[in-house]
Amino acid sequence: MKLFTDEQRELYSNMLPAYGALVTQKTTAKILNVSIATLYRMRDQGIGPAYKKLNSKSKNGTVAYPLHEIVKYLTQSNAKTA
């Protein structure tokens, strides 16, 4: 099973030096060109890239996004038919 397509692998390789493997909410919002509030709503609605909740002992633990999940989200087909 391939983890990444060739396109995804290239994008990941280009983004990794700039962003690292685990990306903050603020940076993820910039990458996706959305506000942090929109990113929160996306999480709440179960859409957007998968994320990790750090400091899970607190209700509002720190949220971070694995870069590979951002790459998958950016390159997936969002076309839907009615």
Protein backbone atom coordinates (compact mmCIF):
# COMPACT_ATOMS: atom_id res chain seq x y z
CA MET A 1 0.00 0.00 0.00
CA LYS A 2 1.38 3.40 -0.99
CA LEU A 3 1.24 6.02 1.72
CA PHE A 4 1.60 8.91 -0.73
CA THR A 5 1.09 9.46 -4.43
CA ASP A 6 4.05 10.91 -6.31
CA GLU A 7 2.38 14.35 -6.20
CA GLN A 8 1.87 14.11 -2.43
CA ARG A 9 5.43 12.89 -1.84
CA GLU A 10 6.84 15.84 -3.78
CA LEU A 11 4.64 18.36 -1.95
CA TYR A 12 5.55 16.84 1.43
CA SER A 13 9.26 16.97 0.59
CA ASN A 14 8.96 20.63 -0.38
CA MET A 15 6.96 21.61 2.71
CA LEU A 16 8.82 19.60 5.36
CA PRO A 17 11.89 21.87 5.70
CA ALA A 18 9.69 24.96 6.09
CA TYR A 19 7.00 23.59 8.40
CA GLY A 20 8.33 20.47 10.13
CA ALA A 21 6.41 17.21 10.64
CA LEU A 22 3.90 18.63 13.16
CA VAL A 23 2.27 21.96 12.30
CA THR A 24 0.58 24.45 14.65
CA GLN A 25 -3.03 25.57 14.20
CA LYS A 26 -1.91 29.05 13.20
CA THR A 27 0.43 27.77 10.50
CA THR A 28 -2.09 25.20 9.28
CA ALA A 29 -4.68 27.97 8.91
CA LYS A 30 -2.18 29.96 6.82
CA ILE A 31 -1.35 26.94 4.64
CA LEU A 32 -5.05 26.28 4.01
CA ASN A 33 -5.82 30.00 3.65
CA VAL A 34 -8.55 29.92 6.31
CA SER A 35 -8.95 31.57 9.70
CA ILE A 36 -8.23 29.70 12.93
CA ALA A 37 -11.97 29.92 13.68
CA THR A 38 -12.72 28.19 10.38
CA LEU A 39 -10.15 25.52 11.19
CA TYR A 40 -11.92 24.99 14.53
CA ARG A 41 -15.30 24.66 12.76
CA MET A 42 -13.79 22.20 10.30
CA ARG A 43 -12.57 20.05 13.20
CA ASP A 44 -15.94 20.33 14.91
CA GLN A 45 -17.74 19.22 11.73
CA GLY A 46 -15.30 16.37 11.06
CA ILE A 47 -13.90 17.86 7.87
CA GLY A 48 -10.42 19.07 7.05
CA PRO A 49 -7.10 17.41 7.77
CA ALA A 50 -6.75 14.94 10.63
CA TYR A 51 -5.20 16.44 13.77
CA LYS A 52 -3.55 15.46 17.02
CA LYS A 53 -4.64 16.79 20.39
CA LEU A 54 -1.63 17.34 22.62
CA ASN A 55 -1.92 17.91 26.38
CA SER A 56 -5.09 15.84 26.29
CA LYS A 57 -5.56 16.16 30.06
CA SER A 58 -7.11 19.58 29.60
CA LYS A 59 -10.39 20.11 27.76
CA ASN A 60 -8.80 22.59 25.38
CA GLY A 61 -5.54 20.78 24.76
CA THR A 62 -3.14 22.07 22.13
CA VAL A 63 -4.06 20.96 18.63
CA ALA A 64 -1.43 20.27 15.97
CA TYR A 65 -1.65 18.88 12.47
CA PRO A 66 0.71 16.24 11.07
CA LEU A 67 2.15 17.62 7.84
CA HIS A 68 1.32 14.43 5.96
CA GLU A 69 -2.38 14.92 6.82
CA ILE A 70 -2.28 18.50 5.51
CA VAL A 71 -0.69 17.27 2.28
CA LYS A 72 -3.36 14.58 1.88
CA TYR A 73 -6.08 17.17 2.48
CA LEU A 74 -4.60 19.62 -0.03
CA THR A 75 -4.29 17.01 -2.75
CA GLN A 76 -7.49 15.03 -2.32
CA SER A 77 -10.31 15.46 -4.78
CA ASN A 78 -13.02 17.66 -3.31
CA ALA A 79 -15.35 17.27 -6.28
CA LYS A 80 -18.79 16.07 -5.23
CA THR A 81 -21.82 15.35 -7.33
CA ALA A 82 -25.41 15.99 -6.34
